[in-house]
PDB file of N, CA and C in Angstrom:
ATOM      1  N   MET A   1       6.552   1.598  -4.586  1.00  0.00           N
ATOM      2  CA  MET A   1       5.862   2.931  -4.247  1.00  0.00           C
ATOM      3  C   MET A   1       6.703   4.233  -4.584  1.00  0.00           C
ATOM      4  N   THR A   2       6.335   5.076  -5.096  1.00  0.00           N
ATOM      5  CA  THR A   2       7.049   6.400  -4.910  1.00  0.00           C
ATOM      6  C   THR A   2       6.538   7.429  -4.239  1.00  0.00           C
ATOM      7  N   ALA A   3       7.253   6.921  -2.654  1.00  0.00           N
ATOM      8  CA  ALA A   3       6.603   8.199  -1.673  1.00  0.00           C
ATOM      9  C   ALA A   3       6.924   9.889  -2.312  1.00  0.00           C
ATOM     10  N   LEU A   4       7.434   9.940  -3.263  1.00  0.00           N
ATOM     11  CA  LEU A   4       7.698  11.580  -3.468  1.00  0.00           C
ATOM     12  C   LEU A   4       6.661  11.750  -4.499  1.00  0.00           C
ATOM     13  N   GLY A   5       6.510  10.703  -5.503  1.00  0.00           N
ATOM     14  CA  GLY A   5       4.935  11.128  -6.267  1.00  0.00           C
ATOM     15  C   GLY A   5       3.687  11.480  -5.266  1.00  0.00           C
ATOM     16  N   LEU A   6       3.384  10.311  -4.251  1.00  0.00           N
ATOM     17  CA  LEU A   6       2.463  10.341  -3.549  1.00  0.00           C
ATOM     18  C   LEU A   6       2.524  11.497  -3.044  1.00  0.00           C
ATOM     19  N   THR A   7       3.829  12.031  -2.388  1.00  0.00           N
ATOM     20  CA  THR A   7       3.826  13.199  -1.349  1.00  0.00           C
ATOM     21  C   THR A   7       3.352  14.651  -2.213  1.00  0.00           C
ATOM     22  N   SER A   8       4.013  14.688  -3.303  1.00  0.00           N
ATOM     23  CA  SER A   8       3.316  15.846  -4.279  1.00  0.00           C
ATOM     24  C   SER A   8       2.290  15.862  -4.959  1.00  0.00           C
ATOM     25  N   SER A   9       1.521  14.765  -4.934  1.00  0.00           N
ATOM     26  CA  SER A   9      -0.105  14.678  -5.025  1.00  0.00           C
ATOM     27  C   SER A   9      -0.962  15.379  -4.221  1.00  0.00           C
ATOM     28  N   LEU A  10      -0.432  14.846  -2.545  1.00  0.00           N
ATOM     29  CA  LEU A  10      -0.820  15.317  -1.533  1.00  0.00           C
ATOM     30  C   LEU A  10      -0.727  16.549  -1.412  1.00  0.00           C
ATOM     31  N   ASP A  11       0.558  17.374  -1.946  1.00  0.00           N
ATOM     32  CA  ASP A  11       0.841  18.525  -1.663  1.00  0.00           C
ATOM     33  C   ASP A  11      -0.322  19.184  -2.654  1.00  0.00           C
ATOM     34  N   ARG A  12      -0.387  18.625  -3.228  1.00  0.00           N
ATOM     35  CA  ARG A  12      -0.961  19.688  -4.769  1.00  0.00           C
ATOM     36  C   ARG A  12      -2.842  19.867  -4.185  1.00  0.00           C
ATOM     37  N   TYR A  13      -3.314  18.390  -3.571  1.00  0.00           N
ATOM     38  CA  TYR A  13      -4.441  18.184  -3.016  1.00  0.00           C
ATOM     39  C   TYR A  13      -4.408  19.528  -1.766  1.00  0.00           C
ATOM     40  N   ARG A  14      -3.563  19.230  -1.052  1.00  0.00           N
ATOM     41  CA  ARG A  14      -3.609  20.215   0.245  1.00  0.00           C
ATOM     42  C   ARG A  14      -3.838  21.604   0.007  1.00  0.00           C
ATOM     43  N   ARG A  15      -3.219  22.060  -1.108  1.00  0.00           N
ATOM     44  CA  ARG A  15      -2.896  23.376  -1.392  1.00  0.00           C
ATOM     45  C   ARG A  15      -4.202  23.603  -1.670  1.00  0.00           C
ATOM     46  N   VAL A  16      -5.010  23.046  -2.551  1.00  0.00           N
ATOM     47  CA  VAL A  16      -6.509  23.433  -2.959  1.00  0.00           C
ATOM     48  C   VAL A  16      -7.425  23.231  -1.847  1.00  0.00           C
ATOM     49  N   LEU A  17      -7.134  22.388  -1.089  1.00  0.00           N
ATOM     50  CA  LEU A  17      -8.136  22.710   0.692  1.00  0.00           C
ATOM     51  C   LEU A  17      -7.898  23.947   1.118  1.00  0.00           C
ATOM     52  N   THR A  18      -6.538  24.243   1.113  1.00  0.00           N
ATOM     53  CA  THR A  18      -6.246  25.375   2.206  1.00  0.00           C
ATOM     54  C   THR A  18      -6.475  26.268   1.556  1.00  0.00           C
ATOM     55  N   ALA A  19      -6.758  27.061   0.044  1.00  0.00           N
ATOM     56  CA  ALA A  19      -7.210  27.849  -0.849  1.00  0.00           C
ATOM     57  C   ALA A  19      -8.505  28.191  -0.014  1.00  0.00           C
ATOM     58  N   GLY A  20      -9.083  27.463   0.097  1.00  0.00           N
ATOM     59  CA  GLY A  20     -10.811  27.433   0.495  1.00  0.00           C
ATOM     60  C   GLY A  20     -11.770  27.774  -0.886  1.00  0.00           C
ATOM     61  N   GLY A  21     -12.911  28.032  -0.704  1.00  0.00           N
ATOM     62  CA  GLY A  21     -13.814  28.687  -1.705  1.00  0.00           C
ATOM     63  C   GLY A  21     -14.133  27.290  -2.501  1.00  0.00           C
ATOM     64  N   ILE A  22     -14.374  27.532  -3.937  1.00  0.00           N
ATOM     65  CA  ILE A  22     -15.075  26.601  -4.416  1.00  0.00           C
ATOM     66  C   ILE A  22     -14.085  25.608  -4.719  1.00  0.00           C
ATOM     67  N   PRO A  23     -12.995  25.905  -4.997  1.00  0.00           N
ATOM     68  CA  PRO A  23     -12.097  24.890  -5.633  1.00  0.00           C
ATOM     69  C   PRO A  23     -11.928  23.778  -4.360  1.00  0.00           C
ATOM     70  N   ALA A  24     -11.880  24.226  -2.951  1.00  0.00           N
ATOM     71  CA  ALA A  24     -12.017  23.480  -2.073  1.00  0.00           C
ATOM     72  C   ALA A  24     -13.015  22.584  -1.791  1.00  0.00           C
ATOM     73  N   LEU A  25     -14.421  23.165  -2.474  1.00  0.00           N
ATOM     74  CA  LEU A  25     -15.575  22.168  -2.096  1.00  0.00           C
ATOM     75  C   LEU A  25     -15.408  21.004  -2.996  1.00  0.00           C
ATOM     76  N   THR A  26     -14.592  21.487  -4.312  1.00  0.00           N
ATOM     77  CA  THR A  26     -14.519  20.344  -5.371  1.00  0.00           C
ATOM     78  C   THR A  26     -13.185  19.611  -5.025  1.00  0.00           C
ATOM     79  N   ALA A  27     -12.555  19.913  -4.261  1.00  0.00           N
ATOM     80  CA  ALA A  27     -11.118  19.346  -4.188  1.00  0.00           C
ATOM     81  C   ALA A  27     -10.982  17.554  -3.992  1.00  0.00           C
ATOM     82  N   HIS A  28     -12.096  17.135  -3.851  1.00  0.00           N
ATOM     83  CA  HIS A  28     -12.446  15.380  -3.844  1.00  0.00           C
ATOM     84  C   HIS A  28     -11.881  14.705  -5.266  1.00  0.00           C
ATOM     85  N   ARG A  29     -12.255  15.979  -6.265  1.00  0.00           N
ATOM     86  CA  ARG A  29     -11.999  15.324  -7.771  1.00  0.00           C
ATOM     87  C   ARG A  29     -10.472  15.210  -8.055  1.00  0.00           C
ATOM     88  N   HIS A  30      -9.742  15.572  -7.062  1.00  0.00           N
ATOM     89  CA  HIS A  30      -8.472  15.930  -7.408  1.00  0.00           C
ATOM     90  C   HIS A  30      -8.006  14.380  -7.881  1.00  0.00           C
ATOM     91  N   TRP A  31      -8.491  13.397  -7.234  1.00  0.00           N
ATOM     92  CA  TRP A  31      -7.794  11.985  -6.861  1.00  0.00           C
ATOM     93  C   TRP A  31      -8.380  11.216  -8.227  1.00  0.00           C
ATOM     94  N   ASN A  32      -9.448  11.753  -9.159  1.00  0.00           N
ATOM     95  CA  ASN A  32      -9.606  11.484 -10.335  1.00  0.00           C
ATOM     96  C   ASN A  32      -9.021  12.116 -11.626  1.00  0.00           C
ATOM     97  N   GLN A  33      -8.072  12.766 -11.207  1.00  0.00           N
ATOM     98  CA  GLN A  33      -7.152  13.443 -12.554  1.00  0.00           C
ATOM     99  C   GLN A  33      -6.635  12.318 -12.761  1.00  0.00           C
ATOM    100  N   PRO A  34      -6.176  12.123 -14.262  1.00  0.00           N
ATOM    101  CA  PRO A  34      -5.423  11.154 -14.769  1.00  0.00           C
ATOM    102  C   PRO A  34      -3.913  10.848 -13.836  1.00  0.00           C
ATOM    103  N   GLN A  35      -3.364  12.307 -13.506  1.00  0.00           N
ATOM    104  CA  GLN A  35      -1.849  11.984 -13.181  1.00  0.00           C
ATOM    105  C   GLN A  35      -2.058  11.415 -11.713  1.00  0.00           C
ATOM    106  N   GLU A  36      -3.335  12.162 -10.933  1.00  0.00           N
ATOM    107  CA  GLU A  36      -2.858  11.568  -9.603  1.00  0.00           C
ATOM    108  C   GLU A  36      -3.382  10.350  -9.434  1.00  0.00           C
ATOM    109  N   LEU A  37      -4.493   9.794 -10.985  1.00  0.00           N
ATOM    110  CA  LEU A  37      -5.070   8.207 -10.786  1.00  0.00           C
ATOM    111  C   LEU A  37      -3.647   7.808 -10.597  1.00  0.00           C
ATOM    112  N   ALA A  38      -2.592   7.887 -11.762  1.00  0.00           N
ATOM    113  CA  ALA A  38      -1.651   7.280 -12.234  1.00  0.00           C
ATOM    114  C   ALA A  38      -0.474   7.000 -11.072  1.00  0.00           C
ATOM    115  N   VAL A  39      -0.623   7.919 -10.469  1.00  0.00           N
ATOM    116  CA  VAL A  39       0.630   7.919  -9.097  1.00  0.00           C
ATOM    117  C   VAL A  39      -0.184   7.297  -7.996  1.00  0.00           C
ATOM    118  N   VAL A  40      -1.136   7.351  -7.563  1.00  0.00           N
ATOM    119  CA  VAL A  40      -1.798   5.978  -7.026  1.00  0.00           C
ATOM    120  C   VAL A  40      -2.100   4.827  -7.050  1.00  0.00           C
ATOM    121  N   ASP A  41      -2.237   4.599  -8.377  1.00  0.00           N
ATOM    122  CA  ASP A  41      -2.285   2.930  -8.981  1.00  0.00           C
ATOM    123  C   ASP A  41      -1.020   2.382  -8.669  1.00  0.00           C
ATOM    124  N   GLN A  42       0.027   3.483  -9.378  1.00  0.00           N
ATOM    125  CA  GLN A  42       1.719   2.897  -9.356  1.00  0.00           C
ATOM    126  C   GLN A  42       1.647   2.424  -7.772  1.00  0.00           C
ATOM    127  N   ALA A  43       1.518   3.239  -6.783  1.00  0.00           N
ATOM    128  CA  ALA A  43       2.121   2.938  -5.696  1.00  0.00           C
ATOM    129  C   ALA A  43       1.153   1.735  -5.135  1.00  0.00           C
ATOM    130  N   LEU A  44      -0.068   1.666  -5.435  1.00  0.00           N
ATOM    131  CA  LEU A  44      -0.750   0.344  -5.223  1.00  0.00           C
ATOM    132  C   LEU A  44      -0.021  -1.036  -5.688  1.00  0.00           C
ATOM    133  N   LYS A  45       0.449  -0.645  -7.172  1.00  0.00           N
ATOM    134  CA  LYS A  45       0.914  -1.784  -7.796  1.00  0.00           C
ATOM    135  C   LYS A  45       2.368  -2.174  -7.376  1.00  0.00           C
ATOM    136  N   THR A  46       3.288  -1.287  -6.772  1.00  0.00           N
ATOM    137  CA  THR A  46       4.556  -1.724  -6.177  1.00  0.00           C
ATOM    138  C   THR A  46       4.397  -1.961  -4.942  1.00  0.00           C
ATOM    139  N   TRP A  47       3.692  -1.699  -3.764  1.00  0.00           N
ATOM    140  CA  TRP A  47       3.933  -1.782  -2.613  1.00  0.00           C
ATOM    141  C   TRP A  47       3.840  -2.875  -2.281  1.00  0.00           C
ATOM    142  N   PRO A  48       3.231  -3.849  -2.751  1.00  0.00           N
ATOM    143  CA  PRO A  48       2.869  -5.271  -2.465  1.00  0.00           C
ATOM    144  C   PRO A  48       4.045  -6.470  -2.882  1.00  0.00           C
ATOM    145  N   GLN A  49       4.971  -6.052  -3.626  1.00  0.00           N
ATOM    146  CA  GLN A  49       6.044  -6.724  -4.252  1.00  0.00           C
ATOM    147  C   GLN A  49       6.881  -7.214  -3.381  1.00  0.00           C
ATOM    148  N   PRO A  50       7.320  -8.503  -3.309  1.00  0.00           N
ATOM    149  CA  PRO A  50       8.248  -9.182  -2.423  1.00  0.00           C
ATOM    150  C   PRO A  50       9.632  -8.328  -2.427  1.00  0.00           C
ATOM    151  N   GLY A  51      10.121  -7.917  -1.061  1.00  0.00           N
ATOM    152  CA  GLY A  51      10.954  -7.320  -0.935  1.00  0.00           C
ATOM    153  C   GLY A  51      11.102  -5.902  -0.918  1.00  0.00           C
ATOM    154  N   TYR A  52       9.864  -5.212  -1.474  1.00  0.00           N
ATOM    155  CA  TYR A  52       9.828  -3.751  -1.352  1.00  0.00           C
ATOM    156  C   TYR A  52       9.694  -3.199  -0.173  1.00  0.00           C
ATOM    157  N   LEU A  53       9.198  -3.748   0.655  1.00  0.00           N
ATOM    158  CA  LEU A  53       9.223  -3.082   2.052  1.00  0.00           C
ATOM    159  C   LEU A  53      10.369  -3.153   3.147  1.00  0.00           C
ATOM    160  N   THR A  54      11.662  -3.360   2.710  1.00  0.00           N
ATOM    161  CA  THR A  54      12.590  -3.461   3.353  1.00  0.00           C
ATOM    162  C   THR A  54      13.566  -2.268   3.684  1.00  0.00           C
ATOM    163  N   HIS A  55      13.250  -1.399   2.956  1.00  0.00           N
ATOM    164  CA  HIS A  55      14.022  -0.079   3.206  1.00  0.00           C
ATOM    165  C   HIS A  55      13.571   0.606   4.599  1.00  0.00           C
ATOM    166  N   ALA A  56      14.147   1.781   5.315  1.00  0.00           N
ATOM    167  CA  ALA A  56      13.802   2.403   6.724  1.00  0.00           C
ATOM    168  C   ALA A  56      12.437   3.009   6.498  1.00  0.00           C
ATOM    169  N   ALA A  57      12.149   3.558   5.515  1.00  0.00           N
ATOM    170  CA  ALA A  57      11.024   4.459   5.161  1.00  0.00           C
ATOM    171  C   ALA A  57       9.458   3.549   5.094  1.00  0.00           C
ATOM    172  N   ALA A  58       9.647   2.724   5.330  1.00  0.00           N
ATOM    173  CA  ALA A  58       8.525   1.581   4.517  1.00  0.00           C
ATOM    174  C   ALA A  58       7.422   2.189   5.722  1.00  0.00           C
ATOM    175  N   LEU A  59       7.434   2.237   6.642  1.00  0.00           N
ATOM    176  CA  LEU A  59       6.334   2.479   7.728  1.00  0.00           C
ATOM    177  C   LEU A  59       5.672   3.823   7.208  1.00  0.00           C
ATOM    178  N   ALA A  60       6.770   4.709   7.436  1.00  0.00           N
ATOM    179  CA  ALA A  60       6.116   6.204   6.900  1.00  0.00           C
ATOM    180  C   ALA A  60       5.561   6.199   5.242  1.00  0.00           C
ATOM    181  N   ASP A  61       6.460   5.372   4.585  1.00  0.00           N
ATOM    182  CA  ASP A  61       5.596   5.137   3.246  1.00  0.00           C
ATOM    183  C   ASP A  61       4.409   4.543   3.063  1.00  0.00           C
ATOM    184  N   LEU A  62       4.184   3.614   3.716  1.00  0.00           N
ATOM    185  CA  LEU A  62       3.015   2.857   3.723  1.00  0.00           C
ATOM    186  C   LEU A  62       1.502   3.856   4.752  1.00  0.00           C
ATOM    187  N   ASN A  63       2.076   4.325   5.233  1.00  0.00           N
ATOM    188  CA  ASN A  63       1.176   5.690   5.938  1.00  0.00           C
ATOM    189  C   ASN A  63       0.729   6.230   5.093  1.00  0.00           C
ATOM    190  N   LEU A  64       1.271   7.209   4.735  1.00  0.00           N
ATOM    191  CA  LEU A  64       1.163   8.059   3.217  1.00  0.00           C
ATOM    192  C   LEU A  64       0.102   7.391   2.391  1.00  0.00           C
ATOM    193  N   LEU A  65       0.653   5.741   2.023  1.00  0.00           N
ATOM    194  CA  LEU A  65      -0.069   5.496   1.110  1.00  0.00           C
ATOM    195  C   LEU A  65      -1.305   4.970   1.521  1.00  0.00           C
ATOM    196  N   ALA A  66      -1.656   5.014   2.968  1.00  0.00           N
ATOM    197  CA  ALA A  66      -3.163   4.514   3.569  1.00  0.00           C
ATOM    198  C   ALA A  66      -4.039   5.779   3.544  1.00  0.00           C
ATOM    199  N   TYR A  67      -3.196   6.789   3.816  1.00  0.00           N
ATOM    200  CA  TYR A  67      -3.782   8.221   4.151  1.00  0.00           C
ATOM    201  C   TYR A  67      -4.127   8.472   2.491  1.00  0.00           C
ATOM    202  N   VAL A  68      -3.141   8.561   1.864  1.00  0.00           N
ATOM    203  CA  VAL A  68      -3.824   9.266   0.413  1.00  0.00           C
ATOM    204  C   VAL A  68      -5.043   8.171  -0.247  1.00  0.00           C
ATOM    205  N   LEU A  69      -4.838   6.944   0.018  1.00  0.00           N
ATOM    206  CA  LEU A  69      -5.956   6.070  -0.472  1.00  0.00           C
ATOM    207  C   LEU A  69      -7.328   6.580   0.049  1.00  0.00           C
ATOM    208  N   MET A  70      -7.194   6.798   1.324  1.00  0.00           N
ATOM    209  CA  MET A  70      -8.523   7.453   2.707  1.00  0.00           C
ATOM    210  C   MET A  70      -9.386   8.570   1.652  1.00  0.00           C
ATOM    211  N   GLN A  71      -7.950   9.562   1.366  1.00  0.00           N
ATOM    212  CA  GLN A  71      -8.402  10.843   1.099  1.00  0.00           C
ATOM    213  C   GLN A  71      -9.004  10.342  -0.297  1.00  0.00           C
ATOM    214  N   ALA A  72      -8.556   9.804  -1.216  1.00  0.00           N
ATOM    215  CA  ALA A  72      -9.063   9.961  -2.618  1.00  0.00           C
ATOM    216  C   ALA A  72     -10.316   8.803  -2.766  1.00  0.00           C
ATOM    217  N   THR A  73     -11.287   8.316  -1.594  1.00  0.00           N
ATOM    218  CA  THR A  73     -12.413   7.667  -1.399  1.00  0.00           C
ATOM    219  C   THR A  73     -12.006   5.780  -1.579  1.00  0.00           C
ATOM    220  N   ARG A  74     -10.801   5.406  -1.147  1.00  0.00           N
ATOM    221  CA  ARG A  74     -10.801   3.988  -1.883  1.00  0.00           C
ATOM    222  C   ARG A  74     -10.217   3.387  -0.804  1.00  0.00           C
ATOM    223  N   PRO A  75     -11.450   3.084   0.094  1.00  0.00           N
ATOM    224  CA  PRO A  75     -10.929   2.220   1.352  1.00  0.00           C
ATOM    225  C   PRO A  75     -10.609   0.659   1.150  1.00  0.00           C
ATOM    226  N   ARG A  76     -11.492   0.542   0.436  1.00  0.00           N
ATOM    227  CA  ARG A  76     -11.097  -1.334   0.050  1.00  0.00           C
ATOM    228  C   ARG A  76      -9.900  -1.477   0.020  1.00  0.00           C
ATOM    229  N   GLU A  77      -9.353  -0.483  -1.030  1.00  0.00           N
ATOM    230  CA  GLU A  77      -7.541  -0.675  -1.583  1.00  0.00           C
ATOM    231  C   GLU A  77      -6.843  -0.357  -0.336  1.00  0.00           C
ATOM    232  N   ALA A  78      -7.252   0.540   0.382  1.00  0.00           N
ATOM    233  CA  ALA A  78      -6.782   0.857   1.747  1.00  0.00           C
ATOM    234  C   ALA A  78      -6.262  -0.142   2.933  1.00  0.00           C
ATOM    235  N   TRP A  79      -7.330  -0.956   3.054  1.00  0.00           N
ATOM    236  CA  TRP A  79      -7.784  -2.313   3.972  1.00  0.00           C
ATOM    237  C   TRP A  79      -6.020  -3.154   3.880  1.00  0.00           C
ATOM    238  N   PRO A  80      -5.760  -3.548   2.701  1.00  0.00           N
ATOM    239  CA  PRO A  80      -4.325  -4.434   3.037  1.00  0.00           C
ATOM    240  C   PRO A  80      -3.110  -3.247   3.536  1.00  0.00           C
ATOM    241  N   VAL A  81      -3.074  -2.366   3.369  1.00  0.00           N
ATOM    242  CA  VAL A  81      -2.181  -1.111   4.105  1.00  0.00           C
ATOM    243  C   VAL A  81      -2.253  -0.991   5.133  1.00  0.00           C
ATOM    244  N   PHE A  82      -3.396  -0.601   5.533  1.00  0.00           N
ATOM    245  CA  PHE A  82      -3.775  -0.725   7.115  1.00  0.00           C
ATOM    246  C   PHE A  82      -2.888  -2.173   7.659  1.00  0.00           C
ATOM    247  N   GLU A  83      -3.562  -3.245   7.025  1.00  0.00           N
ATOM    248  CA  GLU A  83      -2.879  -4.649   7.705  1.00  0.00           C
ATOM    249  C   GLU A  83      -1.589  -4.598   7.877  1.00  0.00           C
ATOM    250  N   ALA A  84      -0.906  -3.817   6.579  1.00  0.00           N
ATOM    251  CA  ALA A  84       0.672  -3.996   6.596  1.00  0.00           C
ATOM    252  C   ALA A  84       1.457  -3.140   7.842  1.00  0.00           C
ATOM    253  N   ILE A  85       0.746  -2.378   8.018  1.00  0.00           N
ATOM    254  CA  ILE A  85       1.372  -1.089   9.190  1.00  0.00           C
ATOM    255  C   ILE A  85       0.409  -1.635  10.409  1.00  0.00           C
ATOM    256  N   SER A  86      -0.272  -2.230  10.547  1.00  0.00           N
ATOM    257  CA  SER A  86      -0.916  -2.921  11.965  1.00  0.00           C
ATOM    258  C   SER A  86      -1.220  -1.385  12.839  1.00  0.00           C
ATOM    259  N   ALA A  87      -2.132  -0.809  12.026  1.00  0.00           N
ATOM    260  CA  ALA A  87      -2.414   0.523  12.586  1.00  0.00           C
ATOM    261  C   ALA A  87      -1.385   1.596  13.274  1.00  0.00           C
ATOM    262  N   VAL A  88      -0.232   1.234  12.833  1.00  0.00           N
ATOM    263  CA  VAL A  88       0.767   2.252  13.842  1.00  0.00           C
ATOM    264  C   VAL A  88       0.958   3.345  12.784  1.00  0.00           C
ATOM    265  N   ALA A  89       0.602   4.464  13.594  1.00  0.00           N
ATOM    266  CA  ALA A  89       0.634   5.788  12.782  1.00  0.00           C
ATOM    267  C   ALA A  89       1.883   6.634  12.648  1.00  0.00           C
ATOM    268  N   THR A  90       2.451   6.955  11.881  1.00  0.00           N
ATOM    269  CA  THR A  90       3.321   8.108  11.785  1.00  0.00           C
ATOM    270  C   THR A  90       2.507   9.596  11.854  1.00  0.00           C
ATOM    271  N   SER A  91       3.070  10.265  12.282  1.00  0.00           N
ATOM    272  CA  SER A  91       2.456  11.660  12.629  1.00  0.00           C
ATOM    273  C   SER A  91       1.927  11.862  11.075  1.00  0.00           C
ATOM    274  N   TRP A  92       2.972  12.343  10.413  1.00  0.00           N
ATOM    275  CA  TRP A  92       3.084  12.944   8.983  1.00  0.00           C
ATOM    276  C   TRP A  92       2.229  11.869   7.954  1.00  0.00           C
ATOM    277  N   PRO A  93       0.964  11.919   7.356  1.00  0.00           N
ATOM    278  CA  PRO A  93       0.476  12.763   6.861  1.00  0.00           C
ATOM    279  C   PRO A  93      -0.916  12.812   8.080  1.00  0.00           C
ATOM    280  N   TRP A  94      -1.046  12.050   8.514  1.00  0.00           N
ATOM    281  CA  TRP A  94      -2.529  11.698   9.841  1.00  0.00           C
ATOM    282  C   TRP A  94      -2.646  13.099  10.654  1.00  0.00           C
ATOM    283  N   GLU A  95      -1.431  13.945  11.057  1.00  0.00           N
ATOM    284  CA  GLU A  95      -1.585  14.985  11.676  1.00  0.00           C
ATOM    285  C   GLU A  95      -2.584  16.457  10.953  1.00  0.00           C
ATOM    286  N   LEU A  96      -2.269  16.087   9.488  1.00  0.00           N
ATOM    287  CA  LEU A  96      -2.895  17.159   8.503  1.00  0.00           C
ATOM    288  C   LEU A  96      -4.281  17.297   8.881  1.00  0.00           C
ATOM    289  N   ASP A  97      -4.909  16.435   9.386  1.00  0.00           N
ATOM    290  CA  ASP A  97      -6.559  16.408   9.958  1.00  0.00           C
ATOM    291  C   ASP A  97      -6.925  16.337  11.057  1.00  0.00           C
ATOM    292  N   GLY A  98      -5.481  16.386  12.148  1.00  0.00           N
ATOM    293  CA  GLY A  98      -5.935  16.562  13.598  1.00  0.00           C
ATOM    294  C   GLY A  98      -5.056  15.520  13.954  1.00  0.00           C
ATOM    295  N   ASP A  99      -5.512  15.061  15.370  1.00  0.00           N
ATOM    296  CA  ASP A  99      -4.531  13.914  15.977  1.00  0.00           C
ATOM    297  C   ASP A  99      -4.099  12.897  15.619  1.00  0.00           C
ATOM    298  N   PRO A 100      -3.277  12.199  15.150  1.00  0.00           N
ATOM    299  CA  PRO A 100      -2.723  11.463  14.461  1.00  0.00           C
ATOM    300  C   PRO A 100      -3.380  10.029  14.831  1.00  0.00           C
ATOM    301  N   LEU A 101      -3.255   9.749  16.038  1.00  0.00           N
ATOM    302  CA  LEU A 101      -4.038   8.825  16.464  1.00  0.00           C
ATOM    303  C   LEU A 101      -5.321   8.299  16.203  1.00  0.00           C
ATOM    304  N   GLN A 102      -6.209   9.549  16.670  1.00  0.00           N
ATOM    305  CA  GLN A 102      -7.403   9.521  16.217  1.00  0.00           C
ATOM    306  C   GLN A 102      -7.690   9.567  15.174  1.00  0.00           C
ATOM    307  N   GLN A 103      -7.000  10.023  14.018  1.00  0.00           N
ATOM    308  CA  GLN A 103      -7.351  10.066  12.844  1.00  0.00           C
ATOM    309  C   GLN A 103      -6.807   8.725  11.736  1.00  0.00           C
ATOM    310  N   ILE A 104      -5.995   8.153  12.386  1.00  0.00           N
ATOM    311  CA  ILE A 104      -5.783   6.421  11.816  1.00  0.00           C
ATOM    312  C   ILE A 104      -6.493   5.857  12.116  1.00  0.00           C
ATOM    313  N   GLN A 105      -7.014   5.727  13.603  1.00  0.00           N
ATOM    314  CA  GLN A 105      -8.146   4.947  13.863  1.00  0.00           C
ATOM    315  C   GLN A 105      -9.466   4.900  13.238  1.00  0.00           C
ATOM    316  N   ARG A 106     -10.036   6.387  13.267  1.00  0.00           N
ATOM    317  CA  ARG A 106     -11.320   6.427  12.399  1.00  0.00           C
ATOM    318  C   ARG A 106     -11.070   5.778  11.214  1.00  0.00           C
ATOM    319  N   GLU A 107      -9.969   6.214  10.077  1.00  0.00           N
ATOM    320  CA  GLU A 107      -9.831   5.716   9.106  1.00  0.00           C
ATOM    321  C   GLU A 107      -9.618   4.071   9.243  1.00  0.00           C
ATOM    322  N   HIS A 108      -9.193   3.793  10.063  1.00  0.00           N
ATOM    323  CA  HIS A 108      -9.132   2.158   9.803  1.00  0.00           C
ATOM    324  C   HIS A 108     -10.272   1.575  10.093  1.00  0.00           C
ATOM    325  N   ARG A 109     -11.175   2.141  10.804  1.00  0.00           N
ATOM    326  CA  ARG A 109     -12.356   1.768  10.981  1.00  0.00           C
ATOM    327  C   ARG A 109     -13.329   1.632   9.395  1.00  0.00           C
ATOM    328  N   ARG A 110     -12.959   3.158   9.277  1.00  0.00           N
ATOM    329  CA  ARG A 110     -13.455   3.065   7.849  1.00  0.00           C
ATOM    330  C   ARG A 110     -13.283   2.239   6.484  1.00  0.00           C
ATOM    331  N   ALA A 111     -11.938   1.501   6.299  1.00  0.00           N
ATOM    332  CA  ALA A 111     -11.476   1.036   5.595  1.00  0.00           C
ATOM    333  C   ALA A 111     -11.870  -0.368   5.752  1.00  0.00           C
ATOM    334  N   PHE A 112     -12.108  -1.164   7.268  1.00  0.00           N
ATOM    335  CA  PHE A 112     -12.482  -2.043   7.431  1.00  0.00           C
ATOM    336  C   PHE A 112     -14.190  -2.298   7.154  1.00  0.00           C
ATOM    337  N   ARG A 113     -14.750  -1.603   7.172  1.00  0.00           N
ATOM    338  CA  ARG A 113     -16.241  -1.295   7.281  1.00  0.00           C
ATOM    339  C   ARG A 113     -16.227  -1.318   5.459  1.00  0.00           C
ATOM    340  N   ALA A 114     -15.720  -1.139   4.696  1.00  0.00           N
ATOM    341  CA  ALA A 114     -15.617  -1.171   3.408  1.00  0.00           C
ATOM    342  C   ALA A 114     -15.118  -2.562   2.793  1.00  0.00           C
ATOM    343  N   ARG A 115     -14.082  -2.812   3.583  1.00  0.00           N
ATOM    344  CA  ARG A 115     -13.925  -4.014   3.426  1.00  0.00           C
ATOM    345  C   ARG A 115     -14.898  -5.294   3.587  1.00  0.00           C
ATOM    346  N   MET A 116     -15.699  -5.062   4.732  1.00  0.00           N
ATOM    347  CA  MET A 116     -16.681  -6.102   5.068  1.00  0.00           C
ATOM    348  C   MET A 116     -18.022  -5.878   4.084  1.00  0.00           C
ATOM    349  N   ARG A 117     -18.096  -5.049   3.915  1.00  0.00           N
ATOM    350  CA  ARG A 117     -19.410  -4.783   2.443  1.00  0.00           C
ATOM    351  C   ARG A 117     -18.694  -5.199   1.518  1.00  0.00           C
ATOM    352  N   SER A 118     -17.691  -5.551   0.981  1.00  0.00           N
ATOM    353  CA  SER A 118     -17.492  -5.830  -0.031  1.00  0.00           C
ATOM    354  C   SER A 118     -17.350  -7.378  -0.292  1.00  0.00           C
ATOM    355  N   GLY A 119     -16.868  -7.870   1.101  1.00  0.00           N
ATOM    356  CA  GLY A 119     -17.456  -9.720   1.256  1.00  0.00           C
ATOM    357  C   GLY A 119     -15.656 -10.154   1.162  1.00  0.00           C
ATOM    358  N   ARG A 120     -15.058  -9.327   0.957  1.00  0.00           N
ATOM    359  CA  ARG A 120     -13.618  -9.776   1.123  1.00  0.00           C
ATOM    360  C   ARG A 120     -12.580 -10.233   2.131  1.00  0.00           C
TER     361      ARG A 120
END
């Protein structure tokens, strides 16, 4: 997973939200753009590979991936990431939307419900 790519994508998304107006109302479309889809899909493909999560920032990287997947309304794909981090929150990026612990707990529940609905 390229945390730098996810961070850049998230940064672009947050700038649109912060700017407000009509672009902010349609910001959810950001995650459907080919460049953004490619970044997120590459991260999803990379992180579960054996030995990938041995670096020091693995927990922070996985929190970033879980956050981005939830922002991109991909909760079923976020569920295994939440399982990998055992709901241990890093402040960033969860603090972007309020209290990090409350945010990760809320999104963890959302991902769990999505997983249960999909029957997996």
